[in-house]
Amino acid sequence: MKKIIILSEIADRTTTDVMAWLLYYGHSCLRINRDDKDFQIISITKEVLKVKTSYYEEYDINQGDIVWARRPGLYNVFVTQFSEKNDYNKKVFRFIENRDYNESAYWWIYNNCCCMISPFSYNVNKINVLELAEREGIKTPRWIVTSCKKELMTYLKGVEKVAIKPFNTLMYAINSMTIKSLTNCIDYSELLDFPDVFPAMIFQEYISKKYELRCFLFDNIFYSMAIMSQNDPQTAVDFRNYNHSTPNRTVPVKLPAEYEKKLLSLSKKLGLFSGSYDVLVSEKGEFFFLEINPIGQFGMVSYPCNYHIEKQIAKFILKQAENA
């Protein structure tokens, strides 16, 4: 049986759970965490990629090994050390060299190993996804990307409420608090207070929802969960503003077959093998596609709905290793 390598990060609980199932079935694996301070790419040749981790002084990744790019992102500690910290040009040069070095390792893995998921399929653009979704006949809220108030107010004229989204969900720290850049909602009239020109953002018509769906895709199977977030002011706009004291009720659901077919077609066009899909169901019962997170946590779907996704992924990995 071929070796199994998982590209992840230290805090990813779902990786740990999948590894537990692999051990249950009698097979170990190498976990490479992208934030491992001791990780280093030792060398790349035609035959082998040699790496170092906190747990392995030297480890060979060989042609044909099974790789699950759960949370990819390789860093090389050695080449990011600068002897002249104030030399900006040298820092930029080293940064670009390091980036290309890491990318070379990814390409080696992608071209020489049995990759369950391409390490390069995670960089999706929200607007490209919305455009492709509409071509597949998947309804989305009316949207515009702009940095101009006049364009924004003209395009969304007649809309009561406007949802505002960043291009990426970023996390940053203020003192001891961790802040997420999530979706916000404002009245259309509040757009009057915007400056004439502002940083470009994504604006959508706000759809009042009956409930929303988190659908995790893996190996052409959707594991879907309904989230009753609409009755809590804290989670009504974005359920990721979690109410830990009174969590939203969640239940397993099955998407309509025709809708699943459209989402699968969208996934193939994006080159995605797995990911978390966010969909809302309006008060009229219409499905509105919102976005895809290609990395996406699935524990929040797996455990409440008893899907045992971690077990299914472990079994899939072992099947790939046996057949390689």
Protein backbone atom coordinates (compact mmCIF):
# COMPACT_ATOMS: atom_id res chain seq x y z
CA MET A 1 0.00 0.00 0.00
CA LYS A 2 1.24 3.49 -0.88
CA LYS A 3 2.16 6.06 1.79
CA ILE A 4 -0.46 8.65 2.75
CA ILE A 5 0.42 12.33 3.21
CA ILE A 6 -2.00 14.99 4.46
CA LEU A 7 -1.25 18.69 3.94
CA SER A 8 -2.98 20.57 6.74
CA GLU A 9 -2.41 22.96 9.64
CA ILE A 10 -1.88 22.44 13.36
CA ALA A 11 -5.32 23.58 14.56
CA ASP A 12 -7.40 21.69 12.01
CA ARG A 13 -9.50 19.28 14.09
CA THR A 14 -11.04 17.55 11.07
CA THR A 15 -7.62 16.39 9.89
CA THR A 16 -7.05 14.84 13.32
CA ASP A 17 -10.41 13.06 13.14
CA VAL A 18 -9.67 11.62 9.69
CA MET A 19 -6.26 10.45 10.92
CA ALA A 20 -7.98 8.72 13.84
CA TRP A 21 -10.13 6.76 11.42
CA LEU A 22 -7.05 5.85 9.35
CA LEU A 23 -5.42 4.48 12.50
CA TYR A 24 -8.63 2.62 13.34
CA TYR A 25 -8.36 0.89 9.97
CA GLY A 26 -4.71 0.09 10.68
CA HIS A 27 -2.92 2.67 8.52
CA SER A 28 -0.75 5.62 9.58
CA CYS A 29 0.03 8.76 7.57
CA LEU A 30 2.36 11.76 7.45
CA ARG A 31 0.78 15.08 8.41
CA ILE A 32 2.52 18.20 7.11
CA ASN A 33 1.19 21.33 8.81
CA ARG A 34 1.66 24.52 6.85
CA ASP A 35 2.25 26.41 10.11
CA ASP A 36 4.80 23.92 11.48
CA LYS A 37 7.71 26.11 12.58
CA ASP A 38 10.18 23.28 11.90
CA PHE A 39 8.89 22.42 8.43
CA GLN A 40 11.46 22.64 5.66
CA ILE A 41 11.65 21.57 2.04
CA ILE A 42 15.04 19.86 1.96
CA SER A 43 15.27 19.17 -1.76
CA ILE A 44 13.33 18.48 -4.95
CA THR A 45 14.54 16.10 -7.65
CA LYS A 46 12.86 14.26 -10.46
CA GLU A 47 12.50 11.17 -8.27
CA VAL A 48 11.69 12.44 -4.78
CA LEU A 49 10.65 15.43 -2.64
CA LYS A 50 12.44 15.49 0.71
CA VAL A 51 10.93 17.39 3.63
CA LYS A 52 11.55 17.91 7.33
CA THR A 53 8.85 18.36 9.98
CA SER A 54 8.67 18.64 13.75
CA TYR A 55 8.17 14.87 13.93
CA TYR A 56 10.45 13.69 11.10
CA GLU A 57 14.07 14.74 10.64
CA GLU A 58 13.82 13.74 7.00
CA TYR A 59 10.92 12.26 5.08
CA ASP A 60 10.72 11.20 1.44
CA ILE A 61 7.58 11.87 -0.58
CA ASN A 62 7.80 9.49 -3.53
CA GLN A 63 6.09 9.18 -6.86
CA GLY A 64 2.70 7.53 -6.47
CA ASP A 65 2.19 8.44 -2.81
CA ILE A 66 -1.36 9.45 -1.85
CA VAL A 67 -1.76 13.15 -0.97
CA TRP A 68 -4.82 14.83 0.51
CA ALA A 69 -4.44 18.61 0.25
CA ARG A 70 -6.77 19.37 3.15
CA ARG A 71 -5.34 22.81 4.00
CA PRO A 72 -2.39 23.33 1.68
CA GLY A 73 0.27 25.99 2.08
CA LEU A 74 3.92 25.00 2.31
CA TYR A 75 6.42 27.25 4.08
CA ASN A 76 10.18 26.89 4.16
CA VAL A 77 11.73 28.36 7.29
CA PHE A 78 15.30 28.43 6.02
CA VAL A 79 14.79 30.65 2.99
CA THR A 80 12.61 33.16 4.85
CA GLN A 81 15.39 34.21 7.23
CA PHE A 82 16.92 37.57 6.36
CA SER A 83 20.42 38.59 7.41
CA GLU A 84 19.77 42.24 6.53
CA LYS A 85 16.36 43.04 7.91
CA ASN A 86 16.28 46.59 6.60
CA ASP A 87 17.13 45.70 3.02
CA TYR A 88 13.68 45.92 1.40
CA ASN A 89 14.74 44.78 -2.07
CA LYS A 90 16.48 41.73 -0.70
CA LYS A 91 13.43 40.86 1.38
CA VAL A 92 11.16 41.11 -1.65
CA PHE A 93 13.54 38.97 -3.69
CA ARG A 94 13.68 36.32 -0.96
CA PHE A 95 9.90 36.38 -0.60
CA ILE A 96 9.41 35.75 -4.33
CA GLU A 97 12.08 33.05 -4.34
CA ASN A 98 10.42 31.37 -1.36
CA ARG A 99 7.00 31.54 -2.99
CA ASP A 100 8.28 29.97 -6.20
CA TYR A 101 10.18 27.32 -4.24
CA ASN A 102 7.01 26.34 -2.42
CA GLU A 103 5.03 26.35 -5.65
CA SER A 104 7.63 24.05 -7.20
CA ALA A 105 7.01 21.60 -4.36
CA TYR A 106 3.28 21.78 -4.99
CA TRP A 107 3.72 21.14 -8.70
CA TRP A 108 5.98 18.18 -7.93
CA ILE A 109 3.32 16.71 -5.62
CA TYR A 110 0.54 17.39 -8.13
CA ASN A 111 2.42 15.83 -11.06
CA ASN A 112 4.04 12.89 -9.27
CA CYS A 113 1.65 11.84 -6.49
CA CYS A 114 -1.91 10.61 -6.46
CA CYS A 115 -3.56 13.86 -5.38
CA MET A 116 -7.12 13.49 -4.17
CA ILE A 117 -7.51 17.25 -4.54
CA SER A 118 -5.34 19.60 -6.55
CA PRO A 119 -3.39 21.97 -4.26
CA PHE A 120 -4.12 24.68 -6.85
CA SER A 121 -7.92 24.35 -6.86
CA TYR A 122 -8.47 26.34 -3.66
CA ASN A 123 -7.97 29.84 -5.02
CA VAL A 124 -11.47 30.69 -6.23
CA ASN A 125 -12.76 34.20 -6.90
CA LYS A 126 -16.25 34.94 -5.54
CA ILE A 127 -17.30 36.88 -8.63
CA ASN A 128 -16.09 34.20 -11.05
CA VAL A 129 -18.05 31.65 -9.01
CA LEU A 130 -21.23 33.76 -9.13
CA GLU A 131 -20.91 34.21 -12.89
CA LEU A 132 -20.37 30.50 -13.49
CA ALA A 133 -23.26 29.64 -11.18
CA GLU A 134 -25.63 31.81 -13.17
CA ARG A 135 -24.50 30.13 -16.41
CA GLU A 136 -25.44 26.80 -14.82
CA GLY A 137 -28.94 28.10 -14.12
CA ILE A 138 -28.27 28.54 -10.40
CA LYS A 139 -30.07 31.57 -8.99
CA THR A 140 -27.99 34.11 -7.06
CA PRO A 141 -28.99 37.35 -5.31
CA ARG A 142 -28.64 40.38 -7.57
CA TRP A 143 -25.06 41.61 -7.21
CA ILE A 144 -22.60 44.30 -8.26
CA VAL A 145 -18.90 44.87 -7.60
CA THR A 146 -18.01 48.54 -7.53
CA SER A 147 -16.10 51.33 -5.82
CA CYS A 148 -18.48 54.05 -7.09
CA LYS A 149 -21.53 55.20 -5.09
CA LYS A 150 -23.41 56.42 -8.16
CA GLU A 151 -23.08 53.05 -9.91
CA LEU A 152 -24.05 51.21 -6.75
CA MET A 153 -27.22 53.20 -6.05
CA THR A 154 -28.34 53.10 -9.67
CA TYR A 155 -27.88 49.35 -10.04
CA LEU A 156 -29.58 48.44 -6.76
CA LYS A 157 -32.39 51.02 -6.99
CA GLY A 158 -35.60 49.57 -5.60
CA VAL A 159 -33.82 47.17 -3.25
CA GLU A 160 -34.79 47.57 0.43
CA LYS A 161 -31.70 46.08 2.05
CA VAL A 162 -28.14 45.56 0.78
CA ALA A 163 -25.71 42.84 1.83
CA ILE A 164 -22.02 43.84 1.79
CA LYS A 165 -19.29 41.23 1.41
CA PRO A 166 -15.49 41.30 1.27
CA PHE A 167 -13.70 39.37 -1.45
CA ASN A 168 -12.10 37.18 1.22
CA THR A 169 -13.07 36.18 4.74
CA LEU A 170 -10.11 37.55 6.65
CA MET A 171 -9.35 37.30 10.36
CA TYR A 172 -7.43 39.93 12.28
CA ALA A 173 -6.73 40.68 15.91
CA ILE A 174 -7.53 43.80 17.91
CA ASN A 175 -5.98 43.52 21.36
CA SER A 176 -7.24 40.18 22.67
CA MET A 177 -10.22 39.94 20.31
CA THR A 178 -10.29 38.09 16.99
CA ILE A 179 -12.36 39.87 14.35
CA LYS A 180 -13.74 38.28 11.18
CA SER A 181 -14.63 40.20 8.02
CA LEU A 182 -18.08 38.69 7.44
CA THR A 183 -21.23 39.74 5.60
CA ASN A 184 -23.03 42.87 6.80
CA CYS A 185 -26.46 44.25 5.95
CA ILE A 186 -27.62 47.87 5.67
CA ASP A 187 -30.71 49.70 4.43
CA TYR A 188 -30.54 51.04 0.88
CA SER A 189 -30.93 54.59 2.25
CA GLU A 190 -27.67 54.23 4.17
CA LEU A 191 -25.80 54.14 0.86
CA LEU A 192 -26.33 57.91 0.73
CA ASP A 193 -23.72 58.23 3.48
CA PHE A 194 -21.08 56.49 1.36
CA PRO A 195 -18.32 58.63 -0.15
CA ASP A 196 -18.41 59.03 -3.94
CA VAL A 197 -15.47 56.62 -4.24
CA PHE A 198 -14.57 53.85 -1.79
CA PRO A 199 -12.60 50.56 -1.78
CA ALA A 200 -14.23 48.04 -4.10
CA MET A 201 -16.61 45.59 -2.42
CA ILE A 202 -19.27 43.06 -3.35
CA PHE A 203 -22.86 44.29 -2.92
CA GLN A 204 -25.91 42.04 -3.15
CA GLU A 205 -29.63 42.37 -2.73
CA TYR A 206 -30.42 41.09 0.76
CA ILE A 207 -32.81 38.13 0.61
CA SER A 208 -35.00 37.46 3.66
CA LYS A 209 -34.51 33.79 4.38
CA LYS A 210 -36.59 30.95 5.67
CA TYR A 211 -33.36 29.15 6.58
CA GLU A 212 -29.91 28.62 5.12
CA LEU A 213 -27.97 25.58 4.01
CA ARG A 214 -24.36 24.51 4.50
CA CYS A 215 -23.62 21.76 1.99
CA PHE A 216 -20.30 19.93 2.08
CA LEU A 217 -19.24 18.18 -1.12
CA PHE A 218 -16.87 15.23 -1.22
CA ASP A 219 -16.46 12.68 -4.01
CA ASN A 220 -19.65 13.81 -5.80
CA ILE A 221 -21.78 13.44 -2.64
CA PHE A 222 -23.41 16.39 -0.89
CA TYR A 223 -23.80 16.29 2.88
CA SER A 224 -26.29 19.07 3.58
CA MET A 225 -27.52 20.75 6.74
CA ALA A 226 -30.24 23.36 7.30
CA ILE A 227 -29.35 26.14 9.75
CA MET A 228 -32.27 27.91 11.43
CA SER A 229 -30.42 31.20 11.81
CA GLN A 230 -33.13 33.63 10.73
CA ASN A 231 -34.78 34.16 14.12
CA ASP A 232 -31.63 35.26 15.96
CA PRO A 233 -30.55 38.88 15.27
CA GLN A 234 -26.94 37.86 15.88
CA THR A 235 -26.95 35.19 13.14
CA ALA A 236 -29.73 36.40 10.82
CA VAL A 237 -27.37 38.06 8.33
CA ASP A 238 -24.44 35.65 8.64
CA PHE A 239 -24.68 32.48 10.73
CA ARG A 240 -20.90 32.63 11.26
CA ASN A 241 -21.61 35.32 13.86
CA TYR A 242 -22.12 32.32 16.11
CA ASN A 243 -24.32 32.57 19.17
CA HIS A 244 -22.51 30.16 21.46
CA SER A 245 -24.93 30.63 24.35
CA THR A 246 -28.00 29.80 22.23
CA PRO A 247 -26.80 27.97 19.10
CA ASN A 248 -28.91 27.83 15.96
CA ARG A 249 -30.94 24.66 15.47
CA THR A 250 -29.50 22.48 12.69
CA VAL A 251 -31.03 19.50 10.88
CA PRO A 252 -29.90 17.19 8.05
CA VAL A 253 -31.58 17.81 4.69
CA LYS A 254 -31.48 16.41 1.17
CA LEU A 255 -31.11 18.89 -1.68
CA PRO A 256 -33.44 18.51 -4.67
CA ALA A 257 -31.79 16.18 -7.21
CA GLU A 258 -31.86 18.77 -10.00
CA TYR A 259 -30.24 21.38 -7.76
CA GLU A 260 -27.48 18.95 -6.72
CA LYS A 261 -26.86 18.22 -10.39
CA LYS A 262 -26.34 21.93 -11.12
CA LEU A 263 -24.00 22.36 -8.14
CA LEU A 264 -21.97 19.33 -9.25
CA SER A 265 -21.66 20.78 -12.75
CA LEU A 266 -20.45 24.07 -11.23
CA SER A 267 -17.91 22.17 -9.11
CA LYS A 268 -16.47 20.39 -12.14
CA LYS A 269 -16.07 23.66 -14.03
CA LEU A 270 -14.20 25.08 -11.03
CA GLY A 271 -12.07 21.93 -10.72
CA LEU A 272 -13.31 21.31 -7.18
CA PHE A 273 -13.48 17.83 -5.67
CA SER A 274 -14.73 19.06 -2.30
CA GLY A 275 -15.81 22.23 -0.52
CA SER A 276 -18.52 23.94 1.52
CA TYR A 277 -21.42 25.51 -0.38
CA ASP A 278 -23.58 28.22 1.20
CA VAL A 279 -27.18 28.46 -0.01
CA LEU A 280 -30.18 30.26 1.44
CA VAL A 281 -33.83 29.40 1.02
CA SER A 282 -36.03 32.48 0.78
CA GLU A 283 -39.33 32.97 2.55
CA LYS A 284 -40.94 32.03 -0.79
CA GLY A 285 -39.00 28.76 -0.91
CA GLU A 286 -36.54 29.81 -3.65
CA PHE A 287 -32.92 28.60 -3.52
CA PHE A 288 -30.26 31.33 -3.73
CA PHE A 289 -26.64 30.29 -4.11
CA LEU A 290 -24.22 32.49 -2.14
CA GLU A 291 -20.65 31.20 -2.34
CA ILE A 292 -18.19 28.31 -2.09
CA ASN A 293 -15.42 27.80 0.44
CA PRO A 294 -13.11 25.26 -1.26
CA ILE A 295 -11.38 24.40 2.03
CA GLY A 296 -14.45 24.59 4.23
CA GLN A 297 -14.91 23.03 7.66
CA PHE A 298 -17.14 19.96 7.59
CA GLY A 299 -17.15 18.98 11.26
CA MET A 300 -20.00 21.44 11.83
CA VAL A 301 -22.07 19.42 9.33
CA SER A 302 -20.77 15.95 10.08
CA TYR A 303 -21.38 15.74 13.83
CA PRO A 304 -24.85 17.35 14.23
CA CYS A 305 -26.21 15.41 11.25
CA ASN A 306 -24.47 12.08 12.00
CA TYR A 307 -22.96 11.97 8.51
CA HIS A 308 -19.58 10.64 9.73
CA ILE A 309 -17.85 12.47 6.88
CA GLU A 310 -14.44 11.92 8.51
CA LYS A 311 -14.96 8.16 8.28
CA GLN A 312 -16.03 8.38 4.63
CA ILE A 313 -12.94 10.44 3.76
CA ALA A 314 -10.64 7.99 5.55
CA LYS A 315 -12.20 5.07 3.65
CA PHE A 316 -11.78 6.96 0.37
CA ILE A 317 -8.10 7.67 1.11
CA LEU A 318 -7.45 4.01 1.92
CA LYS A 319 -9.14 2.91 -1.28
CA GLN A 320 -6.88 5.24 -3.27
CA ALA A 321 -3.82 3.88 -1.44
CA GLU A 322 -4.81 0.27 -2.11
CA ASN A 323 -5.49 0.86 -5.80
CA ALA A 324 -2.47 3.10 -6.54
